[in-house]
Amino acid sequence: MRHIVWRFLPIVLGGVLLLMALLSTSPVLVDAAPQLNITETSTAEPPTRTPTNTPVAPPTNTPVVPPTNTPVVPPTNTPELPVETPTPAVPPGSPGAAPDLVLSKSVSPSVAQIGDQVVYTLTIGNTGSAPATDITLTDNLPPSLRLIGVTTTIGNAGTNGNQVTVTAPSLAPGETIVVQVTAQVVAPLVAPNNINTASVRTSSVEITTDNNTSSATLGSPPVVPPSSLPQTAGNPARPFLTLIGLALIVIGLGALLHRRAYR
């Protein structure tokens, strides 16, 4: 009987270790409840008011002060200041009249990636007081774009590779020229290849040429990092317990089979 118990003991111990390995889990940390602060407040009874007899003062006679005559100050004549008259603008055609070309540029959409098409809108205005003649607009697209087409409301438009040229014979004061350039993104939009600069000039003498150049920057969409799955930590003792349990079961079964074969 004692020999049978010793042969079954490894099988029982192995089963217990396997059960412990299966039931072992990682401990769960529970945040402690916040400490409650109890503040004692004391209430005091309000003092009791005792009525007192306040003596009443007898009325006094206040003498009446007779009114005084205030002398009237005669008004003083303030001289009127002369009104400044604005300087009239130089009329068109007068000897002092001059044109002033203004160039503005925008892109839509402002963010794009490889394969997208974008449209640049260039507006030429004359804010001067005289017509501008022999107008030339030049727009060189960066190498990250491929020119598709160009349109203009006044004048003629031409292309040469990625260069756009628009010419107009004249532009009166207050008039505008709208040019649209369509392009496709063919390379990553990295500075300075995402900046498009254009300029305009005229054969007439302008008031200033500081506003004859304009740029538009084309951005790229932000890179979204891939989402990572949360890592789950297992029990490091589980493989060890499983290995010992299986070894004990194998030893116990081997002892039983060996005893039966011996009989």
C-alpha atoms as a PDB file:
ATOM      1  CA  MET A   1       0.000   0.000   0.000  1.00  0.00           C
ATOM      2  CA  ARG A   2       2.820   2.380   0.907  1.00  0.00           C
ATOM      3  CA  HIS A   3       4.509   1.768  -2.464  1.00  0.00           C
ATOM      4  CA  ILE A   4       1.291   2.627  -4.334  1.00  0.00           C
ATOM      5  CA  VAL A   5       0.969   5.953  -2.451  1.00  0.00           C
ATOM      6  CA  TRP A   6       4.547   6.927  -3.304  1.00  0.00           C
ATOM      7  CA  ARG A   7       3.959   6.128  -6.972  1.00  0.00           C
ATOM      8  CA  PHE A   8       0.772   8.272  -7.141  1.00  0.00           C
ATOM      9  CA  LEU A   9       2.338  11.154  -5.218  1.00  0.00           C
ATOM     10  CA  PRO A  10       4.275  12.624  -8.202  1.00  0.00           C
ATOM     11  CA  ILE A  11       1.104  12.539 -10.333  1.00  0.00           C
ATOM     12  CA  VAL A  12      -0.861  14.418  -7.662  1.00  0.00           C
ATOM     13  CA  LEU A  13       1.899  17.004  -7.156  1.00  0.00           C
ATOM     14  CA  GLY A  14       2.203  17.528 -10.901  1.00  0.00           C
ATOM     15  CA  GLY A  15      -1.542  18.081 -11.218  1.00  0.00           C
ATOM     16  CA  VAL A  16      -1.456  20.607  -8.349  1.00  0.00           C
ATOM     17  CA  LEU A  17       1.404  22.546  -9.988  1.00  0.00           C
ATOM     18  CA  LEU A  18      -0.412  22.602 -13.340  1.00  0.00           C
ATOM     19  CA  LEU A  19      -3.532  23.905 -11.636  1.00  0.00           C
ATOM     20  CA  MET A  20      -1.487  26.632  -9.895  1.00  0.00           C
ATOM     21  CA  ALA A  21       0.084  27.605 -13.228  1.00  0.00           C
ATOM     22  CA  LEU A  22      -3.332  27.903 -14.900  1.00  0.00           C
ATOM     23  CA  LEU A  23      -4.878  29.902 -12.067  1.00  0.00           C
ATOM     24  CA  SER A  24      -1.938  32.265 -11.502  1.00  0.00           C
ATOM     25  CA  THR A  25      -2.683  35.823 -12.727  1.00  0.00           C
ATOM     26  CA  SER A  26      -0.911  39.098 -12.469  1.00  0.00           C
ATOM     27  CA  PRO A  27      -1.833  41.183  -9.440  1.00  0.00           C
ATOM     28  CA  VAL A  28      -4.069  44.167 -10.107  1.00  0.00           C
ATOM     29  CA  LEU A  29      -3.111  47.397  -8.478  1.00  0.00           C
ATOM     30  CA  VAL A  30      -6.023  49.361  -7.078  1.00  0.00           C
ATOM     31  CA  ASP A  31      -5.599  53.025  -6.424  1.00  0.00           C
ATOM     32  CA  ALA A  32      -6.166  53.986  -2.827  1.00  0.00           C
ATOM     33  CA  ALA A  33      -9.144  56.147  -2.090  1.00  0.00           C
ATOM     34  CA  PRO A  34      -8.259  59.807  -1.559  1.00  0.00           C
ATOM     35  CA  GLN A  35      -7.921  60.872   2.074  1.00  0.00           C
ATOM     36  CA  LEU A  36     -10.827  62.833   3.403  1.00  0.00           C
ATOM     37  CA  ASN A  37      -9.980  65.967   5.347  1.00  0.00           C
ATOM     38  CA  ILE A  38     -12.512  66.754   8.099  1.00  0.00           C
ATOM     39  CA  THR A  39     -12.530  70.326   9.320  1.00  0.00           C
ATOM     40  CA  GLU A  40     -14.317  71.190  12.522  1.00  0.00           C
ATOM     41  CA  THR A  41     -16.171  74.490  12.540  1.00  0.00           C
ATOM     42  CA  SER A  42     -17.439  76.051  15.689  1.00  0.00           C
ATOM     43  CA  THR A  43     -20.616  78.109  15.760  1.00  0.00           C
ATOM     44  CA  ALA A  44     -21.029  80.817  18.320  1.00  0.00           C
ATOM     45  CA  GLU A  45     -24.352  82.238  19.426  1.00  0.00           C
ATOM     46  CA  PRO A  46     -24.856  85.886  18.393  1.00  0.00           C
ATOM     47  CA  PRO A  47     -24.730  88.392  21.252  1.00  0.00           C
ATOM     48  CA  THR A  48     -28.034  89.584  22.637  1.00  0.00           C
ATOM     49  CA  ARG A  49     -28.716  93.283  22.101  1.00  0.00           C
ATOM     50  CA  THR A  50     -30.040  95.246  25.069  1.00  0.00           C
ATOM     51  CA  PRO A  51     -32.083  98.337  24.172  1.00  0.00           C
ATOM     52  CA  THR A  52     -30.693 101.618  25.585  1.00  0.00           C
ATOM     53  CA  ASN A  53     -32.410 104.990  25.970  1.00  0.00           C
ATOM     54  CA  THR A  54     -30.759 107.480  23.586  1.00  0.00           C
ATOM     55  CA  PRO A  55     -31.391 111.131  24.534  1.00  0.00           C
ATOM     56  CA  VAL A  56     -33.002 113.190  21.766  1.00  0.00           C
ATOM     57  CA  ALA A  57     -31.189 116.458  21.005  1.00  0.00           C
ATOM     58  CA  PRO A  58     -33.454 119.581  20.821  1.00  0.00           C
ATOM     59  CA  PRO A  59     -33.768 121.191  17.386  1.00  0.00           C
ATOM     60  CA  THR A  60     -31.486 124.114  16.637  1.00  0.00           C
ATOM     61  CA  ASN A  61     -32.347 127.189  14.554  1.00  0.00           C
ATOM     62  CA  THR A  62     -30.049 127.480  11.496  1.00  0.00           C
ATOM     63  CA  PRO A  63     -29.684 131.070  10.253  1.00  0.00           C
ATOM     64  CA  VAL A  64     -30.634 131.647   6.616  1.00  0.00           C
ATOM     65  CA  VAL A  65     -27.766 132.973   4.480  1.00  0.00           C
ATOM     66  CA  PRO A  66     -28.893 135.646   2.025  1.00  0.00           C
ATOM     67  CA  PRO A  67     -28.114 134.915  -1.664  1.00  0.00           C
ATOM     68  CA  THR A  68     -25.104 136.605  -3.216  1.00  0.00           C
ATOM     69  CA  ASN A  69     -25.063 138.137  -6.653  1.00  0.00           C
ATOM     70  CA  THR A  70     -22.496 136.328  -8.923  1.00  0.00           C
ATOM     71  CA  PRO A  71     -21.126 138.566 -11.647  1.00  0.00           C
ATOM     72  CA  VAL A  72     -21.738 137.319 -15.180  1.00  0.00           C
ATOM     73  CA  VAL A  73     -18.529 136.778 -17.175  1.00  0.00           C
ATOM     74  CA  PRO A  74     -18.934 137.977 -20.768  1.00  0.00           C
ATOM     75  CA  PRO A  75     -18.166 135.341 -23.438  1.00  0.00           C
ATOM     76  CA  THR A  76     -14.833 135.500 -25.196  1.00  0.00           C
ATOM     77  CA  ASN A  77     -14.514 135.130 -28.924  1.00  0.00           C
ATOM     78  CA  THR A  78     -12.330 132.099 -29.813  1.00  0.00           C
ATOM     79  CA  PRO A  79     -10.687 132.404 -33.214  1.00  0.00           C
ATOM     80  CA  GLU A  80     -11.597 129.608 -35.589  1.00  0.00           C
ATOM     81  CA  LEU A  81      -8.757 127.389 -36.837  1.00  0.00           C
ATOM     82  CA  PRO A  82      -8.425 127.016 -40.581  1.00  0.00           C
ATOM     83  CA  VAL A  83      -9.689 123.698 -41.953  1.00  0.00           C
ATOM     84  CA  GLU A  84      -7.069 121.681 -43.785  1.00  0.00           C
ATOM     85  CA  THR A  85      -8.245 120.651 -47.222  1.00  0.00           C
ATOM     86  CA  PRO A  86      -7.024 117.262 -48.524  1.00  0.00           C
ATOM     87  CA  THR A  87      -4.621 117.266 -51.384  1.00  0.00           C
ATOM     88  CA  PRO A  88      -6.514 116.157 -54.478  1.00  0.00           C
ATOM     89  CA  ALA A  89      -5.338 112.938 -56.115  1.00  0.00           C
ATOM     90  CA  VAL A  90      -3.398 113.200 -59.286  1.00  0.00           C
ATOM     91  CA  PRO A  91      -5.936 112.758 -62.071  1.00  0.00           C
ATOM     92  CA  PRO A  92      -5.167 110.229 -64.796  1.00  0.00           C
ATOM     93  CA  GLY A  93      -3.304 111.715 -67.716  1.00  0.00           C
ATOM     94  CA  SER A  94      -1.725 114.555 -65.690  1.00  0.00           C
ATOM     95  CA  PRO A  95       2.071 114.988 -65.699  1.00  0.00           C
ATOM     96  CA  GLY A  96       2.420 113.504 -62.134  1.00  0.00           C
ATOM     97  CA  ALA A  97       0.295 110.363 -62.727  1.00  0.00           C
ATOM     98  CA  ALA A  98       1.980 106.931 -62.511  1.00  0.00           C
ATOM     99  CA  PRO A  99       0.848 103.278 -62.374  1.00  0.00           C
ATOM    100  CA  ASP A 100       1.420 100.918 -59.429  1.00  0.00           C
ATOM    101  CA  LEU A 101       1.098  97.173 -60.054  1.00  0.00           C
ATOM    102  CA  VAL A 102       0.210  94.953 -57.076  1.00  0.00           C
ATOM    103  CA  LEU A 103       0.545  91.124 -57.245  1.00  0.00           C
ATOM    104  CA  SER A 104      -1.135  88.673 -54.840  1.00  0.00           C
ATOM    105  CA  LYS A 105      -0.990  84.856 -54.932  1.00  0.00           C
ATOM    106  CA  SER A 106      -2.809  81.966 -53.201  1.00  0.00           C
ATOM    107  CA  VAL A 107      -3.062  78.162 -53.600  1.00  0.00           C
ATOM    108  CA  SER A 108      -5.991  75.770 -53.144  1.00  0.00           C
ATOM    109  CA  PRO A 109      -5.898  73.373 -51.452  1.00  0.00           C
ATOM    110  CA  SER A 110      -3.138  74.613 -49.157  1.00  0.00           C
ATOM    111  CA  VAL A 111      -2.192  71.036 -48.132  1.00  0.00           C
ATOM    112  CA  ALA A 112      -1.532  68.276 -50.691  1.00  0.00           C
ATOM    113  CA  GLN A 113       0.400  65.067 -51.237  1.00  0.00           C
ATOM    114  CA  ILE A 114       1.874  63.225 -54.219  1.00  0.00           C
ATOM    115  CA  GLY A 115      -0.756  62.745 -56.945  1.00  0.00           C
ATOM    116  CA  ASP A 116      -3.010  65.664 -55.875  1.00  0.00           C
ATOM    117  CA  GLN A 117      -3.818  68.617 -58.149  1.00  0.00           C
ATOM    118  CA  VAL A 118      -3.560  72.209 -56.898  1.00  0.00           C
ATOM    119  CA  VAL A 119      -4.626  75.552 -58.380  1.00  0.00           C
ATOM    120  CA  TYR A 120      -2.619  78.762 -57.934  1.00  0.00           C
ATOM    121  CA  THR A 121      -4.584  82.021 -58.287  1.00  0.00           C
ATOM    122  CA  LEU A 122      -2.582  85.153 -59.170  1.00  0.00           C
ATOM    123  CA  THR A 123      -4.239  88.590 -59.174  1.00  0.00           C
ATOM    124  CA  ILE A 124      -2.599  91.641 -60.779  1.00  0.00           C
ATOM    125  CA  GLY A 125      -4.077  95.041 -59.869  1.00  0.00           C
ATOM    126  CA  ASN A 126      -3.236  98.641 -60.737  1.00  0.00           C
ATOM    127  CA  THR A 127      -3.623 100.939 -57.716  1.00  0.00           C
ATOM    128  CA  GLY A 128      -1.896 103.851 -59.389  1.00  0.00           C
ATOM    129  CA  SER A 129      -3.333 106.844 -61.250  1.00  0.00           C
ATOM    130  CA  ALA A 130      -2.118 106.007 -64.765  1.00  0.00           C
ATOM    131  CA  PRO A 131      -2.382 102.956 -67.043  1.00  0.00           C
ATOM    132  CA  ALA A 132       0.436 100.386 -66.995  1.00  0.00           C
ATOM    133  CA  THR A 133       1.670  99.173 -70.386  1.00  0.00           C
ATOM    134  CA  ASP A 134       3.546  96.100 -71.577  1.00  0.00           C
ATOM    135  CA  ILE A 135       2.729  93.935 -68.548  1.00  0.00           C
ATOM    136  CA  THR A 136       4.580  90.615 -68.110  1.00  0.00           C
ATOM    137  CA  LEU A 137       3.874  88.032 -65.384  1.00  0.00           C
ATOM    138  CA  THR A 138       6.428  85.247 -64.762  1.00  0.00           C
ATOM    139  CA  ASP A 139       5.758  82.205 -62.543  1.00  0.00           C
ATOM    140  CA  ASN A 140       8.308  79.388 -62.186  1.00  0.00           C
ATOM    141  CA  LEU A 141       6.819  76.280 -60.552  1.00  0.00           C
ATOM    142  CA  PRO A 142       9.115  74.323 -58.168  1.00  0.00           C
ATOM    143  CA  PRO A 143      10.396  70.866 -59.269  1.00  0.00           C
ATOM    144  CA  SER A 144       7.965  69.125 -56.895  1.00  0.00           C
ATOM    145  CA  LEU A 145       5.093  70.176 -59.222  1.00  0.00           C
ATOM    146  CA  ARG A 146       4.182  69.366 -62.814  1.00  0.00           C
ATOM    147  CA  LEU A 147       2.435  72.092 -64.826  1.00  0.00           C
ATOM    148  CA  ILE A 148      -0.949  71.081 -66.269  1.00  0.00           C
ATOM    149  CA  GLY A 149      -2.483  74.317 -67.630  1.00  0.00           C
ATOM    150  CA  VAL A 150      -2.913  78.092 -67.248  1.00  0.00           C
ATOM    151  CA  THR A 151      -5.755  80.591 -67.907  1.00  0.00           C
ATOM    152  CA  THR A 152      -5.935  84.409 -67.820  1.00  0.00           C
ATOM    153  CA  THR A 153      -8.747  86.973 -67.952  1.00  0.00           C
ATOM    154  CA  ILE A 154      -6.700  89.562 -69.890  1.00  0.00           C
ATOM    155  CA  GLY A 155      -3.837  89.048 -72.310  1.00  0.00           C
ATOM    156  CA  ASN A 156      -2.118  85.863 -73.468  1.00  0.00           C
ATOM    157  CA  ALA A 157      -0.681  82.942 -71.471  1.00  0.00           C
ATOM    158  CA  GLY A 158       2.189  80.652 -72.458  1.00  0.00           C
ATOM    159  CA  THR A 159       4.185  77.835 -70.881  1.00  0.00           C
ATOM    160  CA  ASN A 160       7.697  76.435 -71.228  1.00  0.00           C
ATOM    161  CA  GLY A 161       8.274  73.396 -69.050  1.00  0.00           C
ATOM    162  CA  ASN A 162       7.379  74.536 -65.544  1.00  0.00           C
ATOM    163  CA  GLN A 163       7.545  78.245 -66.434  1.00  0.00           C
ATOM    164  CA  VAL A 164       4.346  80.283 -66.919  1.00  0.00           C
ATOM    165  CA  THR A 165       4.363  83.622 -68.780  1.00  0.00           C
ATOM    166  CA  VAL A 166       1.377  85.969 -69.135  1.00  0.00           C
ATOM    167  CA  THR A 167       1.500  89.188 -71.177  1.00  0.00           C
ATOM    168  CA  ALA A 168      -1.030  92.023 -71.427  1.00  0.00           C
ATOM    169  CA  PRO A 169      -0.830  95.231 -73.489  1.00  0.00           C
ATOM    170  CA  SER A 170      -2.128  97.552 -70.731  1.00  0.00           C
ATOM    171  CA  LEU A 171      -3.961  97.724 -67.406  1.00  0.00           C
ATOM    172  CA  ALA A 172      -5.978 100.802 -66.448  1.00  0.00           C
ATOM    173  CA  PRO A 173      -6.182 102.113 -62.848  1.00  0.00           C
ATOM    174  CA  GLY A 174      -8.609  99.984 -60.820  1.00  0.00           C
ATOM    175  CA  GLU A 175      -8.568  97.040 -63.257  1.00  0.00           C
ATOM    176  CA  THR A 176      -7.329  93.533 -62.384  1.00  0.00           C
ATOM    177  CA  ILE A 177      -5.996  90.475 -64.195  1.00  0.00           C
ATOM    178  CA  VAL A 178      -6.739  87.018 -62.728  1.00  0.00           C
ATOM    179  CA  VAL A 179      -4.434  84.143 -63.720  1.00  0.00           C
ATOM    180  CA  GLN A 180      -5.013  80.514 -62.631  1.00  0.00           C
ATOM    181  CA  VAL A 181      -2.253  77.890 -62.837  1.00  0.00           C
ATOM    182  CA  THR A 182      -3.113  74.190 -62.397  1.00  0.00           C
ATOM    183  CA  ALA A 183      -0.367  71.756 -61.355  1.00  0.00           C
ATOM    184  CA  GLN A 184       0.074  68.245 -59.952  1.00  0.00           C
ATOM    185  CA  VAL A 185       2.287  67.212 -57.019  1.00  0.00           C
ATOM    186  CA  VAL A 186       4.925  64.717 -58.242  1.00  0.00           C
ATOM    187  CA  ALA A 187       7.498  64.785 -55.396  1.00  0.00           C
ATOM    188  CA  PRO A 188       7.547  65.277 -51.609  1.00  0.00           C
ATOM    189  CA  LEU A 189       6.771  68.864 -50.610  1.00  0.00           C
ATOM    190  CA  VAL A 190       9.969  69.738 -48.747  1.00  0.00           C
ATOM    191  CA  ALA A 191      11.249  73.300 -48.415  1.00  0.00           C
ATOM    192  CA  PRO A 192      12.195  75.105 -50.569  1.00  0.00           C
ATOM    193  CA  ASN A 193      10.465  72.945 -53.195  1.00  0.00           C
ATOM    194  CA  ASN A 194       7.034  73.744 -51.705  1.00  0.00           C
ATOM    195  CA  ILE A 195       7.297  77.532 -52.241  1.00  0.00           C
ATOM    196  CA  ASN A 196       6.058  79.066 -55.510  1.00  0.00           C
ATOM    197  CA  THR A 197       7.100  82.659 -56.255  1.00  0.00           C
ATOM    198  CA  ALA A 198       5.840  84.867 -59.104  1.00  0.00           C
ATOM    199  CA  SER A 199       6.656  88.416 -60.233  1.00  0.00           C
ATOM    200  CA  VAL A 200       5.138  91.054 -62.528  1.00  0.00           C
ATOM    201  CA  ARG A 201       6.706  93.987 -64.337  1.00  0.00           C
ATOM    202  CA  THR A 202       5.728  96.794 -66.701  1.00  0.00           C
ATOM    203  CA  SER A 203       7.539  99.088 -69.099  1.00  0.00           C
ATOM    204  CA  SER A 204       5.939 102.102 -67.382  1.00  0.00           C
ATOM    205  CA  VAL A 205       7.604 103.874 -64.449  1.00  0.00           C
ATOM    206  CA  GLU A 206       5.763 102.746 -61.305  1.00  0.00           C
ATOM    207  CA  ILE A 207       5.241 104.475 -57.973  1.00  0.00           C
ATOM    208  CA  THR A 208       6.928 101.492 -56.258  1.00  0.00           C
ATOM    209  CA  THR A 209       8.001  97.982 -57.217  1.00  0.00           C
ATOM    210  CA  ASP A 210       8.005  96.531 -53.674  1.00  0.00           C
ATOM    211  CA  ASN A 211       4.605  94.899 -54.274  1.00  0.00           C
ATOM    212  CA  ASN A 212       5.452  93.250 -57.615  1.00  0.00           C
ATOM    213  CA  THR A 213       6.395  89.844 -56.105  1.00  0.00           C
ATOM    214  CA  SER A 214       4.231  87.299 -54.263  1.00  0.00           C
ATOM    215  CA  SER A 215       4.682  83.719 -52.989  1.00  0.00           C
ATOM    216  CA  ALA A 216       2.455  80.823 -51.909  1.00  0.00           C
ATOM    217  CA  THR A 217       3.539  77.867 -49.754  1.00  0.00           C
ATOM    218  CA  LEU A 218       2.060  74.413 -50.287  1.00  0.00           C
ATOM    219  CA  GLY A 219       2.034  72.180 -47.203  1.00  0.00           C
ATOM    220  CA  SER A 220       1.935  68.415 -46.808  1.00  0.00           C
ATOM    221  CA  PRO A 221      -0.453  66.492 -44.509  1.00  0.00           C
ATOM    222  CA  PRO A 222       0.923  65.474 -41.093  1.00  0.00           C
ATOM    223  CA  VAL A 223       2.224  61.933 -40.674  1.00  0.00           C
ATOM    224  CA  VAL A 224       0.012  59.898 -38.302  1.00  0.00           C
ATOM    225  CA  PRO A 225       2.036  57.311 -36.330  1.00  0.00           C
ATOM    226  CA  PRO A 226       0.620  53.740 -36.317  1.00  0.00           C
ATOM    227  CA  SER A 227      -1.384  52.814 -33.271  1.00  0.00           C
ATOM    228  CA  SER A 228       0.275  50.183 -31.028  1.00  0.00           C
ATOM    229  CA  LEU A 229      -1.554  47.497 -29.069  1.00  0.00           C
ATOM    230  CA  PRO A 230      -1.135  47.515 -25.275  1.00  0.00           C
ATOM    231  CA  GLN A 231       1.365  44.994 -23.981  1.00  0.00           C
ATOM    232  CA  THR A 232       0.103  42.430 -21.475  1.00  0.00           C
ATOM    233  CA  ALA A 233       2.546  41.082 -18.915  1.00  0.00           C
ATOM    234  CA  GLY A 234       2.150  37.391 -18.008  1.00  0.00           C
ATOM    235  CA  ASN A 235       3.144  35.519 -14.869  1.00  0.00           C
ATOM    236  CA  PRO A 236       6.884  34.617 -15.132  1.00  0.00           C
ATOM    237  CA  ALA A 237       6.436  31.576 -12.816  1.00  0.00           C
ATOM    238  CA  ARG A 238       3.772  29.916 -15.012  1.00  0.00           C
ATOM    239  CA  PRO A 239       6.175  28.173 -17.482  1.00  0.00           C
ATOM    240  CA  PHE A 240       8.322  26.910 -14.572  1.00  0.00           C
ATOM    241  CA  LEU A 241       5.332  25.443 -12.713  1.00  0.00           C
ATOM    242  CA  THR A 242       4.000  23.872 -15.902  1.00  0.00           C
ATOM    243  CA  LEU A 243       7.334  22.218 -16.665  1.00  0.00           C
ATOM    244  CA  ILE A 244       7.730  20.755 -13.134  1.00  0.00           C
ATOM    245  CA  GLY A 245       4.091  19.533 -13.093  1.00  0.00           C
ATOM    246  CA  LEU A 246       4.460  17.744 -16.405  1.00  0.00           C
ATOM    247  CA  ALA A 247       7.752  16.181 -15.273  1.00  0.00           C
ATOM    248  CA  LEU A 248       6.191  14.820 -12.078  1.00  0.00           C
ATOM    249  CA  ILE A 249       3.217  13.386 -13.976  1.00  0.00           C
ATOM    250  CA  VAL A 250       5.543  11.665 -16.450  1.00  0.00           C
ATOM    251  CA  ILE A 251       7.652  10.232 -13.595  1.00  0.00           C
ATOM    252  CA  GLY A 252       4.554   8.922 -11.777  1.00  0.00           C
ATOM    253  CA  LEU A 253       3.074   7.342 -14.893  1.00  0.00           C
ATOM    254  CA  GLY A 254       6.405   5.777 -15.755  1.00  0.00           C
ATOM    255  CA  ALA A 255       6.682   4.241 -12.282  1.00  0.00           C
ATOM    256  CA  LEU A 256       3.184   2.754 -12.534  1.00  0.00           C
ATOM    257  CA  LEU A 257       3.784   1.309 -15.986  1.00  0.00           C
ATOM    258  CA  HIS A 258       7.098  -0.122 -14.861  1.00  0.00           C
ATOM    259  CA  ARG A 259       5.448  -1.850 -11.847  1.00  0.00           C
ATOM    260  CA  ARG A 260       2.714  -3.371 -14.046  1.00  0.00           C
ATOM    261  CA  ALA A 261       5.247  -4.590 -16.571  1.00  0.00           C
ATOM    262  CA  TYR A 262       7.321  -6.118 -13.743  1.00  0.00           C
ATOM    263  CA  ARG A 263       4.286  -8.044 -12.455  1.00  0.00           C
END
